[in-house]
């Protein structure tokens, strides 16, 4: 089983892509959400692992397969059109605690 870390850099990139998604949708791989979700499940064995709401009602979702380690980040517009934003390998689900800020040195 492959695992990966989606770090702050990837999340920052995703946030940047979400803010520009409507303009970029014309040149991206986009389809109705149902089609994208079905294709990710059937072809790659991916299921939804995380979700978040971006600007202007856009929804960011991370799909991944624990078996193969593949992952895909999508953005769905309020119109229902979903665009593939990024994909890769070595997905790993994390549950990291927020670092504490301590004034004692």
PDB file of N, CA and C in Angstrom:
ATOM      1  N   UNK A   1       0.835  -1.173   0.000  1.00  0.00           N
ATOM      2  CA  UNK A   1       0.000   0.000   0.000  1.00  0.00           C
ATOM      3  C   UNK A   1       0.884   1.243   0.000  1.00  0.00           C
ATOM      4  N   UNK A   2       0.651   2.148  -0.913  1.00  0.00           N
ATOM      5  CA  UNK A   2       1.438   3.361  -0.998  1.00  0.00           C
ATOM      6  C   UNK A   2       0.760   4.442  -0.184  1.00  0.00           C
ATOM      7  N   UNK A   3       1.564   5.329   0.358  1.00  0.00           N
ATOM      8  CA  UNK A   3       1.002   6.426   1.144  1.00  0.00           C
ATOM      9  C   UNK A   3       1.723   7.710   0.778  1.00  0.00           C
ATOM     10  N   UNK A   4       1.030   8.815   0.924  1.00  0.00           N
ATOM     11  CA  UNK A   4       1.649  10.093   0.606  1.00  0.00           C
ATOM     12  C   UNK A   4       1.233  11.169   1.565  1.00  0.00           C
ATOM     13  N   UNK A   5       1.970  12.225   1.574  1.00  0.00           N
ATOM     14  CA  UNK A   5       1.640  13.378   2.385  1.00  0.00           C
ATOM     15  C   UNK A   5       1.273  14.518   1.447  1.00  0.00           C
ATOM     16  N   UNK A   6       0.102  15.084   1.627  1.00  0.00           N
ATOM     17  CA  UNK A   6      -0.256  16.287   0.896  1.00  0.00           C
ATOM     18  C   UNK A   6       0.103  17.423   1.833  1.00  0.00           C
ATOM     19  N   UNK A   7       1.212  18.066   1.574  1.00  0.00           N
ATOM     20  CA  UNK A   7       1.732  19.103   2.460  1.00  0.00           C
ATOM     21  C   UNK A   7       1.079  20.443   2.266  1.00  0.00           C
ATOM     22  N   UNK A   8       1.552  21.401   3.054  1.00  0.00           N
ATOM     23  CA  UNK A   8       1.017  22.754   2.979  1.00  0.00           C
ATOM     24  C   UNK A   8       1.234  23.364   1.605  1.00  0.00           C
ATOM     25  N   UNK A   9       2.334  23.020   0.946  1.00  0.00           N
ATOM     26  CA  UNK A   9       2.574  23.559  -0.391  1.00  0.00           C
ATOM     27  C   UNK A   9       1.491  23.108  -1.350  1.00  0.00           C
ATOM     28  N   UNK A  10       1.148  21.824  -1.312  1.00  0.00           N
ATOM     29  CA  UNK A  10       0.098  21.318  -2.198  1.00  0.00           C
ATOM     30  C   UNK A  10      -1.240  21.951  -1.869  1.00  0.00           C
ATOM     31  N   UNK A  11      -1.527  22.124  -0.585  1.00  0.00           N
ATOM     32  CA  UNK A  11      -2.787  22.746  -0.202  1.00  0.00           C
ATOM     33  C   UNK A  11      -2.817  24.206  -0.623  1.00  0.00           C
ATOM     34  N   UNK A  12      -1.683  24.887  -0.513  1.00  0.00           N
ATOM     35  CA  UNK A  12      -1.609  26.275  -0.969  1.00  0.00           C
ATOM     36  C   UNK A  12      -1.829  26.374  -2.464  1.00  0.00           C
ATOM     37  N   UNK A  13      -1.242  25.442  -3.213  1.00  0.00           N
ATOM     38  CA  UNK A  13      -1.432  25.397  -4.655  1.00  0.00           C
ATOM     39  C   UNK A  13      -2.897  25.144  -4.979  1.00  0.00           C
ATOM     40  N   UNK A  14      -3.507  24.228  -4.243  1.00  0.00           N
ATOM     41  CA  UNK A  14      -4.923  23.939  -4.458  1.00  0.00           C
ATOM     42  C   UNK A  14      -5.769  25.171  -4.204  1.00  0.00           C
ATOM     43  N   UNK A  15      -5.469  25.893  -3.122  1.00  0.00           N
ATOM     44  CA  UNK A  15      -6.219  27.108  -2.821  1.00  0.00           C
ATOM     45  C   UNK A  15      -6.072  28.118  -3.947  1.00  0.00           C
ATOM     46  N   UNK A  16      -4.876  28.238  -4.495  1.00  0.00           N
ATOM     47  CA  UNK A  16      -4.650  29.165  -5.603  1.00  0.00           C
ATOM     48  C   UNK A  16      -5.434  28.725  -6.833  1.00  0.00           C
ATOM     49  N   UNK A  17      -5.470  27.427  -7.091  1.00  0.00           N
ATOM     50  CA  UNK A  17      -6.208  26.927  -8.248  1.00  0.00           C
ATOM     51  C   UNK A  17      -7.707  27.129  -8.085  1.00  0.00           C
ATOM     52  N   UNK A  18      -8.205  26.984  -6.859  1.00  0.00           N
ATOM     53  CA  UNK A  18      -9.630  27.166  -6.612  1.00  0.00           C
ATOM     54  C   UNK A  18     -10.048  28.594  -6.924  1.00  0.00           C
ATOM     55  N   UNK A  19      -9.205  29.558  -6.622  1.00  0.00           N
ATOM     56  CA  UNK A  19      -9.570  30.951  -6.862  1.00  0.00           C
ATOM     57  C   UNK A  19      -9.603  31.281  -8.347  1.00  0.00           C
ATOM     58  N   UNK A  20      -8.903  30.488  -9.174  1.00  0.00           N
ATOM     59  CA  UNK A  20      -8.873  30.759 -10.605  1.00  0.00           C
ATOM     60  C   UNK A  20      -9.637  29.717 -11.411  1.00  0.00           C
ATOM     61  N   UNK A  21     -10.324  28.810 -10.761  1.00  0.00           N
ATOM     62  CA  UNK A  21     -10.962  27.694 -11.454  1.00  0.00           C
ATOM     63  C   UNK A  21     -11.946  28.096 -12.542  1.00  0.00           C
ATOM     64  N   UNK A  22     -12.832  29.092 -12.363  1.00  0.00           N
ATOM     65  CA  UNK A  22     -13.781  29.388 -13.437  1.00  0.00           C
ATOM     66  C   UNK A  22     -13.100  29.766 -14.747  1.00  0.00           C
ATOM     67  N   UNK A  23     -12.057  30.578 -14.681  1.00  0.00           N
ATOM     68  CA  UNK A  23     -11.352  30.973 -15.895  1.00  0.00           C
ATOM     69  C   UNK A  23     -10.613  29.792 -16.500  1.00  0.00           C
ATOM     70  N   UNK A  24     -10.077  28.937 -15.653  1.00  0.00           N
ATOM     71  CA  UNK A  24      -9.286  27.813 -16.130  1.00  0.00           C
ATOM     72  C   UNK A  24     -10.147  26.652 -16.614  1.00  0.00           C
ATOM     73  N   UNK A  25     -11.423  26.626 -16.238  1.00  0.00           N
ATOM     74  CA  UNK A  25     -12.279  25.483 -16.544  1.00  0.00           C
ATOM     75  C   UNK A  25     -12.380  25.205 -18.034  1.00  0.00           C
ATOM     76  N   UNK A  26     -12.289  26.238 -18.851  1.00  0.00           N
ATOM     77  CA  UNK A  26     -12.427  26.041 -20.287  1.00  0.00           C
ATOM     78  C   UNK A  26     -11.293  25.198 -20.856  1.00  0.00           C
ATOM     79  N   UNK A  27     -10.070  25.299 -20.287  1.00  0.00           N
ATOM     80  CA  UNK A  27      -8.937  24.566 -20.825  1.00  0.00           C
ATOM     81  C   UNK A  27      -8.580  23.325 -20.025  1.00  0.00           C
ATOM     82  N   UNK A  28      -9.322  22.979 -19.018  1.00  0.00           N
ATOM     83  CA  UNK A  28      -9.015  21.837 -18.146  1.00  0.00           C
ATOM     84  C   UNK A  28      -9.848  20.618 -18.542  1.00  0.00           C
ATOM     85  N   UNK A  29      -9.517  19.495 -17.927  1.00  0.00           N
ATOM     86  CA  UNK A  29     -10.307  18.281 -18.087  1.00  0.00           C
ATOM     87  C   UNK A  29     -11.512  18.385 -17.170  1.00  0.00           C
ATOM     88  N   UNK A  30     -12.652  18.747 -17.719  1.00  0.00           N
ATOM     89  CA  UNK A  30     -13.866  18.970 -16.933  1.00  0.00           C
ATOM     90  C   UNK A  30     -15.014  18.133 -17.486  1.00  0.00           C
ATOM     91  N   UNK A  31     -15.915  17.767 -16.574  1.00  0.00           N
ATOM     92  CA  UNK A  31     -17.116  17.021 -16.939  1.00  0.00           C
ATOM     93  C   UNK A  31     -18.107  17.171 -15.797  1.00  0.00           C
ATOM     94  N   UNK A  32     -19.354  16.762 -15.994  1.00  0.00           N
ATOM     95  CA  UNK A  32     -20.301  16.788 -14.877  1.00  0.00           C
ATOM     96  C   UNK A  32     -19.745  15.946 -13.716  1.00  0.00           C
ATOM     97  N   UNK A  33     -20.008  16.385 -12.478  1.00  0.00           N
ATOM     98  CA  UNK A  33     -19.426  15.753 -11.294  1.00  0.00           C
ATOM     99  C   UNK A  33     -19.671  14.250 -11.250  1.00  0.00           C
ATOM    100  N   UNK A  34     -20.889  13.817 -11.573  1.00  0.00           N
ATOM    101  CA  UNK A  34     -21.213  12.392 -11.519  1.00  0.00           C
ATOM    102  C   UNK A  34     -20.302  11.574 -12.420  1.00  0.00           C
ATOM    103  N   UNK A  35     -19.984  12.115 -13.597  1.00  0.00           N
ATOM    104  CA  UNK A  35     -19.113  11.429 -14.554  1.00  0.00           C
ATOM    105  C   UNK A  35     -17.697  11.314 -13.995  1.00  0.00           C
ATOM    106  N   UNK A  36     -17.196  12.411 -13.414  1.00  0.00           N
ATOM    107  CA  UNK A  36     -15.838  12.419 -12.864  1.00  0.00           C
ATOM    108  C   UNK A  36     -15.718  11.439 -11.699  1.00  0.00           C
ATOM    109  N   UNK A  37     -16.666  11.486 -10.767  1.00  0.00           N
ATOM    110  CA  UNK A  37     -16.624  10.602  -9.593  1.00  0.00           C
ATOM    111  C   UNK A  37     -16.678   9.141 -10.021  1.00  0.00           C
ATOM    112  N   UNK A  38     -17.539   8.820 -10.971  1.00  0.00           N
ATOM    113  CA  UNK A  38     -17.649   7.443 -11.457  1.00  0.00           C
ATOM    114  C   UNK A  38     -16.352   6.990 -12.117  1.00  0.00           C
ATOM    115  N   UNK A  39     -15.760   7.859 -12.921  1.00  0.00           N
ATOM    116  CA  UNK A  39     -14.509   7.506 -13.617  1.00  0.00           C
ATOM    117  C   UNK A  39     -13.368   7.289 -12.635  1.00  0.00           C
ATOM    118  N   UNK A  40     -13.254   8.163 -11.617  1.00  0.00           N
ATOM    119  CA  UNK A  40     -12.200   8.004 -10.611  1.00  0.00           C
ATOM    120  C   UNK A  40     -12.372   6.688  -9.853  1.00  0.00           C
ATOM    121  N   UNK A  41     -13.603   6.314  -9.571  1.00  0.00           N
ATOM    122  CA  UNK A  41     -13.869   5.063  -8.855  1.00  0.00           C
ATOM    123  C   UNK A  41     -13.577   3.842  -9.725  1.00  0.00           C
ATOM    124  N   UNK A  42     -14.093   3.854 -10.944  1.00  0.00           N
ATOM    125  CA  UNK A  42     -13.957   2.686 -11.814  1.00  0.00           C
ATOM    126  C   UNK A  42     -12.549   2.493 -12.349  1.00  0.00           C
ATOM    127  N   UNK A  43     -11.912   3.555 -12.796  1.00  0.00           N
ATOM    128  CA  UNK A  43     -10.603   3.431 -13.440  1.00  0.00           C
ATOM    129  C   UNK A  43      -9.448   3.405 -12.439  1.00  0.00           C
ATOM    130  N   UNK A  44      -9.574   4.157 -11.335  1.00  0.00           N
ATOM    131  CA  UNK A  44      -8.454   4.292 -10.404  1.00  0.00           C
ATOM    132  C   UNK A  44      -8.754   3.759  -9.000  1.00  0.00           C
ATOM    133  N   UNK A  45      -9.985   3.351  -8.726  1.00  0.00           N
ATOM    134  CA  UNK A  45     -10.338   2.852  -7.406  1.00  0.00           C
ATOM    135  C   UNK A  45     -10.321   3.931  -6.337  1.00  0.00           C
ATOM    136  N   UNK A  46     -10.493   5.191  -6.749  1.00  0.00           N
ATOM    137  CA  UNK A  46     -10.419   6.314  -5.811  1.00  0.00           C
ATOM    138  C   UNK A  46     -11.794   6.662  -5.249  1.00  0.00           C
ATOM    139  N   UNK A  47     -11.803   7.032  -3.979  1.00  0.00           N
ATOM    140  CA  UNK A  47     -13.011   7.519  -3.325  1.00  0.00           C
ATOM    141  C   UNK A  47     -12.675   8.831  -2.617  1.00  0.00           C
ATOM    142  N   UNK A  48     -13.694   9.583  -2.261  1.00  0.00           N
ATOM    143  CA  UNK A  48     -13.484  10.902  -1.657  1.00  0.00           C
ATOM    144  C   UNK A  48     -12.870  10.756  -0.266  1.00  0.00           C
ATOM    145  N   UNK A  49     -11.792  11.496  -0.037  1.00  0.00           N
ATOM    146  CA  UNK A  49     -11.074  11.461   1.235  1.00  0.00           C
ATOM    147  C   UNK A  49     -11.171  12.776   2.000  1.00  0.00           C
ATOM    148  N   UNK A  50     -11.348  13.886   1.285  1.00  0.00           N
ATOM    149  CA  UNK A  50     -11.410  15.203   1.931  1.00  0.00           C
ATOM    150  C   UNK A  50     -12.197  16.147   1.041  1.00  0.00           C
ATOM    151  N   UNK A  51     -12.749  17.192   1.660  1.00  0.00           N
ATOM    152  CA  UNK A  51     -13.520  18.187   0.917  1.00  0.00           C
ATOM    153  C   UNK A  51     -13.394  19.538   1.594  1.00  0.00           C
ATOM    154  N   UNK A  52     -13.574  20.589   0.842  1.00  0.00           N
ATOM    155  CA  UNK A  52     -13.546  21.941   1.386  1.00  0.00           C
ATOM    156  C   UNK A  52     -14.261  22.892   0.444  1.00  0.00           C
ATOM    157  N   UNK A  53     -14.731  24.002   0.980  1.00  0.00           N
ATOM    158  CA  UNK A  53     -15.444  24.987   0.171  1.00  0.00           C
ATOM    159  C   UNK A  53     -14.525  26.163  -0.101  1.00  0.00           C
ATOM    160  N   UNK A  54     -14.434  26.539  -1.361  1.00  0.00           N
ATOM    161  CA  UNK A  54     -13.612  27.659  -1.789  1.00  0.00           C
ATOM    162  C   UNK A  54     -14.458  28.879  -2.074  1.00  0.00           C
ATOM    163  N   UNK A  55     -13.844  29.841  -2.735  1.00  0.00           N
ATOM    164  CA  UNK A  55     -14.536  31.081  -3.069  1.00  0.00           C
ATOM    165  C   UNK A  55     -15.653  30.820  -4.076  1.00  0.00           C
ATOM    166  N   UNK A  56     -16.656  31.664  -4.035  1.00  0.00           N
ATOM    167  CA  UNK A  56     -17.767  31.659  -4.981  1.00  0.00           C
ATOM    168  C   UNK A  56     -18.481  30.313  -5.051  1.00  0.00           C
ATOM    169  N   UNK A  57     -18.517  29.578  -3.933  1.00  0.00           N
ATOM    170  CA  UNK A  57     -19.258  28.331  -3.868  1.00  0.00           C
ATOM    171  C   UNK A  57     -18.603  27.136  -4.533  1.00  0.00           C
ATOM    172  N   UNK A  58     -17.328  27.249  -4.871  1.00  0.00           N
ATOM    173  CA  UNK A  58     -16.636  26.108  -5.460  1.00  0.00           C
ATOM    174  C   UNK A  58     -16.290  25.097  -4.372  1.00  0.00           C
ATOM    175  N   UNK A  59     -16.305  23.806  -4.729  1.00  0.00           N
ATOM    176  CA  UNK A  59     -15.997  22.744  -3.782  1.00  0.00           C
ATOM    177  C   UNK A  59     -14.743  22.004  -4.248  1.00  0.00           C
ATOM    178  N   UNK A  60     -13.739  21.925  -3.357  1.00  0.00           N
ATOM    179  CA  UNK A  60     -12.516  21.185  -3.617  1.00  0.00           C
ATOM    180  C   UNK A  60     -12.670  19.822  -2.965  1.00  0.00           C
ATOM    181  N   UNK A  61     -12.318  18.770  -3.696  1.00  0.00           N
ATOM    182  CA  UNK A  61     -12.374  17.420  -3.149  1.00  0.00           C
ATOM    183  C   UNK A  61     -11.081  16.686  -3.475  1.00  0.00           C
ATOM    184  N   UNK A  62     -10.635  15.873  -2.528  1.00  0.00           N
ATOM    185  CA  UNK A  62      -9.491  14.998  -2.748  1.00  0.00           C
ATOM    186  C   UNK A  62     -10.017  13.568  -2.784  1.00  0.00           C
ATOM    187  N   UNK A  63      -9.713  12.873  -3.870  1.00  0.00           N
ATOM    188  CA  UNK A  63     -10.071  11.469  -4.032  1.00  0.00           C
ATOM    189  C   UNK A  63      -8.769  10.675  -3.972  1.00  0.00           C
ATOM    190  N   UNK A  64      -8.806   9.479  -3.402  1.00  0.00           N
ATOM    191  CA  UNK A  64      -7.598   8.667  -3.323  1.00  0.00           C
ATOM    192  C   UNK A  64      -7.942   7.193  -3.207  1.00  0.00           C
ATOM    193  N   UNK A  65      -6.961   6.367  -3.536  1.00  0.00           N
ATOM    194  CA  UNK A  65      -7.075   4.921  -3.400  1.00  0.00           C
ATOM    195  C   UNK A  65      -6.024   4.444  -2.401  1.00  0.00           C
ATOM    196  N   UNK A  66      -6.466   3.837  -1.295  1.00  0.00           N
ATOM    197  CA  UNK A  66      -5.539   3.287  -0.311  1.00  0.00           C
ATOM    198  C   UNK A  66      -4.777   2.098  -0.899  1.00  0.00           C
ATOM    199  N   UNK A  67      -5.387   1.409  -1.842  1.00  0.00           N
ATOM    200  CA  UNK A  67      -4.757   0.229  -2.439  1.00  0.00           C
ATOM    201  C   UNK A  67      -3.601   0.594  -3.369  1.00  0.00           C
ATOM    202  N   UNK A  68      -3.835   1.549  -4.282  1.00  0.00           N
ATOM    203  CA  UNK A  68      -2.797   1.899  -5.258  1.00  0.00           C
ATOM    204  C   UNK A  68      -1.990   3.124  -4.853  1.00  0.00           C
ATOM    205  N   UNK A  69      -2.542   3.955  -3.965  1.00  0.00           N
ATOM    206  CA  UNK A  69      -1.856   5.182  -3.555  1.00  0.00           C
ATOM    207  C   UNK A  69      -2.097   6.355  -4.488  1.00  0.00           C
ATOM    208  N   UNK A  70      -2.903   6.177  -5.543  1.00  0.00           N
ATOM    209  CA  UNK A  70      -3.170   7.293  -6.457  1.00  0.00           C
ATOM    210  C   UNK A  70      -4.104   8.298  -5.789  1.00  0.00           C
ATOM    211  N   UNK A  71      -3.992   9.582  -6.185  1.00  0.00           N
ATOM    212  CA  UNK A  71      -4.863  10.622  -5.650  1.00  0.00           C
ATOM    213  C   UNK A  71      -5.170  11.636  -6.738  1.00  0.00           C
ATOM    214  N   UNK A  72      -6.316  12.307  -6.588  1.00  0.00           N
ATOM    215  CA  UNK A  72      -6.763  13.324  -7.537  1.00  0.00           C
ATOM    216  C   UNK A  72      -7.435  14.448  -6.759  1.00  0.00           C
ATOM    217  N   UNK A  73      -7.131  15.685  -7.115  1.00  0.00           N
ATOM    218  CA  UNK A  73      -7.800  16.843  -6.537  1.00  0.00           C
ATOM    219  C   UNK A  73      -8.700  17.438  -7.613  1.00  0.00           C
ATOM    220  N   UNK A  74      -9.969  17.633  -7.262  1.00  0.00           N
ATOM    221  CA  UNK A  74     -10.944  18.202  -8.192  1.00  0.00           C
ATOM    222  C   UNK A  74     -11.537  19.476  -7.609  1.00  0.00           C
ATOM    223  N   UNK A  75     -12.072  20.306  -8.485  1.00  0.00           N
ATOM    224  CA  UNK A  75     -12.838  21.478  -8.076  1.00  0.00           C
ATOM    225  C   UNK A  75     -14.150  21.437  -8.843  1.00  0.00           C
ATOM    226  N   UNK A  76     -15.258  21.546  -8.098  1.00  0.00           N
ATOM    227  CA  UNK A  76     -16.586  21.561  -8.710  1.00  0.00           C
ATOM    228  C   UNK A  76     -17.170  22.960  -8.597  1.00  0.00           C
ATOM    229  N   UNK A  77     -17.586  23.494  -9.732  1.00  0.00           N
ATOM    230  CA  UNK A  77     -18.211  24.807  -9.784  1.00  0.00           C
ATOM    231  C   UNK A  77     -19.683  24.699  -9.376  1.00  0.00           C
ATOM    232  N   UNK A  78     -20.294  25.808  -8.999  1.00  0.00           N
ATOM    233  CA  UNK A  78     -21.721  25.788  -8.653  1.00  0.00           C
ATOM    234  C   UNK A  78     -22.606  25.251  -9.781  1.00  0.00           C
ATOM    235  N   UNK A  79     -22.121  25.276 -11.004  1.00  0.00           N
ATOM    236  CA  UNK A  79     -22.876  24.746 -12.149  1.00  0.00           C
ATOM    237  C   UNK A  79     -22.927  23.225 -12.166  1.00  0.00           C
ATOM    238  N   UNK A  80     -22.085  22.566 -11.331  1.00  0.00           N
ATOM    239  CA  UNK A  80     -22.013  21.109 -11.322  1.00  0.00           C
ATOM    240  C   UNK A  80     -20.891  20.561 -12.167  1.00  0.00           C
ATOM    241  N   UNK A  81     -20.175  21.443 -12.872  1.00  0.00           N
ATOM    242  CA  UNK A  81     -19.046  21.013 -13.679  1.00  0.00           C
ATOM    243  C   UNK A  81     -17.837  20.806 -12.768  1.00  0.00           C
ATOM    244  N   UNK A  82     -17.177  19.654 -12.890  1.00  0.00           N
ATOM    245  CA  UNK A  82     -16.016  19.309 -12.075  1.00  0.00           C
ATOM    246  C   UNK A  82     -14.780  19.259 -12.954  1.00  0.00           C
ATOM    247  N   UNK A  83     -13.698  19.890 -12.474  1.00  0.00           N
ATOM    248  CA  UNK A  83     -12.441  19.923 -13.214  1.00  0.00           C
ATOM    249  C   UNK A  83     -11.340  19.244 -12.412  1.00  0.00           C
ATOM    250  N   UNK A  84     -10.499  18.482 -13.115  1.00  0.00           N
ATOM    251  CA  UNK A  84      -9.341  17.863 -12.492  1.00  0.00           C
ATOM    252  C   UNK A  84      -8.258  18.922 -12.344  1.00  0.00           C
ATOM    253  N   UNK A  85      -7.738  19.093 -11.126  1.00  0.00           N
ATOM    254  CA  UNK A  85      -6.752  20.128 -10.852  1.00  0.00           C
ATOM    255  C   UNK A  85      -5.344  19.565 -10.672  1.00  0.00           C
ATOM    256  N   UNK A  86      -5.238  18.394 -10.058  1.00  0.00           N
ATOM    257  CA  UNK A  86      -3.929  17.778  -9.824  1.00  0.00           C
ATOM    258  C   UNK A  86      -4.142  16.304  -9.541  1.00  0.00           C
ATOM    259  N   UNK A  87      -3.098  15.511  -9.775  1.00  0.00           N
ATOM    260  CA  UNK A  87      -3.159  14.085  -9.444  1.00  0.00           C
ATOM    261  C   UNK A  87      -1.750  13.578  -9.208  1.00  0.00           C
ATOM    262  N   UNK A  88      -1.660  12.423  -8.566  1.00  0.00           N
ATOM    263  CA  UNK A  88      -0.343  11.885  -8.292  1.00  0.00           C
ATOM    264  C   UNK A  88      -0.409  10.531  -7.621  1.00  0.00           C
ATOM    265  N   UNK A  89       0.685  10.144  -6.997  1.00  0.00           N
ATOM    266  CA  UNK A  89       0.833   8.845  -6.352  1.00  0.00           C
ATOM    267  C   UNK A  89       1.252   9.007  -4.903  1.00  0.00           C
ATOM    268  N   UNK A  90       1.240   7.919  -4.181  1.00  0.00           N
ATOM    269  CA  UNK A  90       1.725   7.827  -2.797  1.00  0.00           C
ATOM    270  C   UNK A  90       0.874   8.600  -1.805  1.00  0.00           C
ATOM    271  N   UNK A  91      -0.437   8.480  -1.915  1.00  0.00           N
ATOM    272  CA  UNK A  91      -1.343   9.149  -0.979  1.00  0.00           C
ATOM    273  C   UNK A  91      -1.199   8.564   0.418  1.00  0.00           C
ATOM    274  N   UNK A  92      -1.218   9.417   1.423  1.00  0.00           N
ATOM    275  CA  UNK A  92      -1.215   8.998   2.819  1.00  0.00           C
ATOM    276  C   UNK A  92      -2.130   9.917   3.604  1.00  0.00           C
ATOM    277  N   UNK A  93      -3.099   9.340   4.274  1.00  0.00           N
ATOM    278  CA  UNK A  93      -3.995  10.125   5.117  1.00  0.00           C
ATOM    279  C   UNK A  93      -3.269  10.461   6.415  1.00  0.00           C
ATOM    280  N   UNK A  94      -3.351  11.706   6.837  1.00  0.00           N
ATOM    281  CA  UNK A  94      -2.687  12.150   8.052  1.00  0.00           C
ATOM    282  C   UNK A  94      -3.688  12.744   9.024  1.00  0.00           C
ATOM    283  N   UNK A  95      -3.370  12.649  10.284  1.00  0.00           N
ATOM    284  CA  UNK A  95      -4.152  13.297  11.341  1.00  0.00           C
ATOM    285  C   UNK A  95      -3.146  13.942  12.287  1.00  0.00           C
ATOM    286  N   UNK A  96      -2.531  15.023  11.832  1.00  0.00           N
ATOM    287  CA  UNK A  96      -1.498  15.690  12.616  1.00  0.00           C
ATOM    288  C   UNK A  96      -2.114  16.717  13.556  1.00  0.00           C
ATOM    289  N   UNK A  97      -1.546  16.794  14.739  1.00  0.00           N
ATOM    290  CA  UNK A  97      -1.989  17.781  15.716  1.00  0.00           C
ATOM    291  C   UNK A  97      -1.398  19.146  15.347  1.00  0.00           C
ATOM    292  N   UNK A  98      -2.151  20.194  15.636  1.00  0.00           N
ATOM    293  CA  UNK A  98      -1.669  21.551  15.407  1.00  0.00           C
ATOM    294  C   UNK A  98      -0.553  21.833  16.412  1.00  0.00           C
ATOM    295  N   UNK A  99       0.600  22.361  15.950  1.00  0.00           N
ATOM    296  CA  UNK A  99       1.688  22.652  16.885  1.00  0.00           C
ATOM    297  C   UNK A  99       1.254  23.686  17.913  1.00  0.00           C
ATOM    298  N   UNK A 100       1.676  23.490  19.128  1.00  0.00           N
ATOM    299  CA  UNK A 100       1.356  24.443  20.180  1.00  0.00           C
ATOM    300  C   UNK A 100       2.373  25.561  20.157  1.00  0.00           C
ATOM    301  N   UNK A 101       1.915  26.752  20.474  1.00  0.00           N
ATOM    302  CA  UNK A 101       2.820  27.890  20.592  1.00  0.00           C
ATOM    303  C   UNK A 101       3.118  28.080  22.054  1.00  0.00           C
ATOM    304  N   UNK A 102       4.362  27.920  22.405  1.00  0.00           N
ATOM    305  CA  UNK A 102       4.788  27.979  23.800  1.00  0.00           C
ATOM    306  C   UNK A 102       5.792  29.099  23.960  1.00  0.00           C
ATOM    307  N   UNK A 103       5.592  29.959  24.940  1.00  0.00           N
ATOM    308  CA  UNK A 103       6.501  31.072  25.175  1.00  0.00           C
ATOM    309  C   UNK A 103       7.727  30.662  25.980  1.00  0.00           C
ATOM    310  N   UNK A 104       7.720  29.457  26.553  1.00  0.00           N
ATOM    311  CA  UNK A 104       8.883  28.976  27.311  1.00  0.00           C
ATOM    312  C   UNK A 104       9.946  28.523  26.333  1.00  0.00           C
ATOM    313  N   UNK A 105      11.149  29.078  26.471  1.00  0.00           N
ATOM    314  CA  UNK A 105      12.220  28.719  25.553  1.00  0.00           C
ATOM    315  C   UNK A 105      13.123  27.667  26.108  1.00  0.00           C
TER     316      UNK A 105
END
